[in-house]
Amino acid sequence: MLLNSAAGKDTVIFVEKDDHQKPAEVKFEVVEAEEPGLILPSGEINWACPCLGGMATGPCGYDFREAFSCFHYSTEDPKGSDCYEQFKKMQQCMSAYPDLYGDDDDDKKDDNGDNLDDAFEQLDAAETKDNKGGETLETPETSEGEKVKL
């Protein structure tokens, strides 16, 4: 005979030898598989995957899906080399919505928000001067105010 007794947060179960002789009647909860990733088991693209960050929807969603599908199913070497036109259309669409998809200039800024193009121009000018005059050059100050010698 099986007896259950609750004692605080614990449950005490008393069993007899006969209880161990018959098969268990415990039902285990079936854990659902995790949500599929970007590529479904069938090989198709999961457009609902949160890893796409909503790129498959919105004003440029169609162009994104066309370009991404082309790349995913591409058999060319290098992969995706046959998808230039689709990616070009996607880029043109995204450049029409800089507030939504970001501006190309954002990619040219460092962690401090400084424009990297300006820093590279200064370094190029300094290298040119160094090659001509043989002077010791310094880079612009770092975010900590230090100067770093080239």
Protein backbone atom coordinates (compact mmCIF):
# COMPACT_ATOMS: atom_id res chain seq x y z
CA MET A 1 0.00 0.00 0.00
CA LEU A 2 1.32 3.42 -1.00
CA LEU A 3 1.04 6.30 1.46
CA ASN A 4 1.92 9.93 0.87
CA SER A 5 2.55 12.39 3.62
CA ALA A 6 3.40 16.05 3.22
CA ALA A 7 5.85 17.42 5.77
CA GLY A 8 6.58 21.08 5.03
CA LYS A 9 8.24 21.41 1.64
CA ASP A 10 8.94 17.67 1.39
CA THR A 11 6.66 14.79 0.47
CA VAL A 12 7.32 11.47 2.19
CA ILE A 13 6.23 8.32 0.36
CA PHE A 14 5.85 4.99 2.17
CA VAL A 15 5.84 1.90 -0.06
CA GLU A 16 5.64 -1.82 0.51
CA LYS A 17 7.48 -4.59 -1.32
CA ASP A 18 4.44 -5.29 -3.50
CA ASP A 19 4.51 -1.68 -4.75
CA HIS A 20 7.98 -2.30 -6.23
CA GLN A 21 6.88 -5.45 -8.05
CA LYS A 22 4.49 -3.76 -10.49
CA PRO A 23 5.52 -1.34 -13.29
CA ALA A 24 5.74 2.33 -12.44
CA GLU A 25 2.77 4.47 -13.36
CA VAL A 26 4.71 7.72 -13.42
CA LYS A 27 4.04 9.93 -16.42
CA PHE A 28 6.96 12.08 -17.48
CA GLU A 29 6.34 15.45 -19.04
CA VAL A 30 7.39 15.51 -22.68
CA VAL A 31 9.66 18.48 -23.25
CA GLU A 32 9.04 20.12 -26.58
CA ALA A 33 12.06 20.57 -28.78
CA GLU A 34 13.53 24.04 -28.75
CA GLU A 35 12.36 26.40 -31.43
CA PRO A 36 14.12 25.72 -34.70
CA GLY A 37 16.97 27.97 -35.70
CA LEU A 38 17.45 29.85 -38.93
CA ILE A 39 17.38 26.73 -41.08
CA LEU A 40 14.52 24.29 -40.54
CA PRO A 41 15.16 20.51 -40.54
CA SER A 42 13.69 20.45 -44.06
CA GLY A 43 16.47 22.82 -45.21
CA GLU A 44 14.09 25.72 -45.70
CA ILE A 45 14.71 29.16 -44.21
CA ASN A 46 12.82 29.96 -41.00
CA TRP A 47 11.74 33.55 -41.69
CA ALA A 48 10.22 33.75 -38.19
CA CYS A 49 13.59 33.15 -36.51
CA PRO A 50 14.36 35.94 -34.02
CA CYS A 51 17.98 35.74 -35.17
CA LEU A 52 16.98 37.70 -38.29
CA GLY A 53 16.10 40.68 -36.12
CA GLY A 54 12.97 41.50 -38.09
CA MET A 55 14.87 41.95 -41.35
CA ALA A 56 12.44 39.64 -43.17
CA THR A 57 9.61 42.09 -42.51
CA GLY A 58 9.32 45.82 -42.99
CA PRO A 59 9.69 47.93 -46.11
CA CYS A 60 12.72 46.00 -47.38
CA GLY A 61 11.62 42.57 -46.19
CA TYR A 62 10.88 41.30 -49.68
CA ASP A 63 14.31 42.35 -51.00
CA PHE A 64 16.01 40.87 -47.93
CA ARG A 65 14.20 37.54 -48.37
CA GLU A 66 15.10 37.45 -52.07
CA ALA A 67 18.79 38.15 -51.40
CA PHE A 68 19.03 35.79 -48.43
CA SER A 69 17.21 33.00 -50.29
CA CYS A 70 19.52 33.42 -53.25
CA PHE A 71 22.57 33.17 -50.98
CA HIS A 72 21.21 30.20 -49.01
CA TYR A 73 20.38 28.14 -52.10
CA SER A 74 23.40 29.28 -54.13
CA THR A 75 25.60 26.55 -55.57
CA GLU A 76 28.15 28.94 -57.10
CA ASP A 77 31.74 29.16 -55.95
CA PRO A 78 32.19 31.37 -54.00
CA LYS A 79 28.77 30.91 -52.48
CA GLY A 80 26.40 33.74 -53.30
CA SER A 81 28.45 35.13 -56.16
CA ASP A 82 25.36 34.77 -58.35
CA CYS A 83 23.28 36.96 -56.00
CA TYR A 84 24.80 40.36 -56.72
CA GLU A 85 21.63 41.88 -58.20
CA GLN A 86 19.45 40.76 -55.27
CA PHE A 87 21.86 42.18 -52.70
CA LYS A 88 22.16 45.39 -54.70
CA LYS A 89 18.36 45.83 -54.66
CA MET A 90 18.30 45.12 -50.92
CA GLN A 91 21.05 47.68 -50.26
CA GLN A 92 19.28 50.31 -52.36
CA CYS A 93 16.06 49.74 -50.45
CA MET A 94 17.80 49.91 -47.07
CA SER A 95 19.60 53.12 -47.99
CA ALA A 96 16.17 54.67 -48.62
CA TYR A 97 15.28 54.03 -44.94
CA PRO A 98 18.38 55.12 -42.94
CA ASP A 99 16.38 55.70 -39.75
CA LEU A 100 15.12 52.13 -39.82
CA TYR A 101 18.14 50.25 -41.14
CA GLY A 102 20.94 52.56 -40.03
CA ASP A 103 23.20 54.82 -42.00
CA ASP A 104 26.36 53.60 -43.71
CA ASP A 105 28.27 56.28 -41.79
CA ASP A 106 27.44 54.50 -38.51
CA ASP A 107 29.72 51.66 -39.57
CA LYS A 108 32.60 54.11 -39.88
CA LYS A 109 32.53 55.24 -36.23
CA ASP A 110 34.55 53.72 -33.42
CA ASP A 111 33.25 52.90 -29.92
CA ASN A 112 33.64 56.56 -28.86
CA GLY A 113 31.56 57.82 -31.79
CA ASP A 114 34.63 59.29 -33.50
CA ASN A 115 34.68 59.15 -37.27
CA LEU A 116 37.23 56.56 -38.34
CA ASP A 117 37.65 58.10 -41.79
CA ASP A 118 39.04 61.28 -40.18
CA ALA A 119 41.46 59.24 -38.07
CA PHE A 120 42.67 57.28 -41.10
CA GLU A 121 43.17 60.49 -43.09
CA GLN A 122 45.27 61.92 -40.24
CA LEU A 123 47.36 58.76 -40.11
CA ASP A 124 47.86 58.76 -43.88
CA ALA A 125 48.95 62.40 -43.78
CA ALA A 126 51.30 61.65 -40.89
CA GLU A 127 52.83 58.67 -42.70
CA THR A 128 53.40 60.78 -45.82
CA LYS A 129 55.09 63.47 -43.72
CA ASP A 130 57.21 60.84 -41.93
CA ASN A 131 58.38 59.34 -45.19
CA LYS A 132 59.49 62.75 -46.47
CA GLY A 133 60.94 64.42 -43.39
CA GLY A 134 61.97 61.54 -41.15
CA GLU A 135 60.19 63.04 -38.14
CA THR A 136 58.81 61.04 -35.21
CA LEU A 137 55.06 61.03 -35.49
CA GLU A 138 52.31 60.62 -32.97
CA THR A 139 48.74 59.48 -33.53
CA PRO A 140 45.79 61.51 -32.28
CA GLU A 141 45.04 61.11 -28.58
CA THR A 142 43.27 57.96 -27.43
CA SER A 143 40.04 58.11 -25.45
CA GLU A 144 42.16 58.14 -22.28
CA GLY A 145 44.07 61.21 -23.45
CA GLU A 146 47.29 59.30 -24.14
CA LYS A 147 49.31 59.76 -27.27
CA VAL A 148 50.53 56.66 -29.01
CA LYS A 149 53.68 56.76 -31.12
CA LEU A 150 53.67 55.06 -34.50
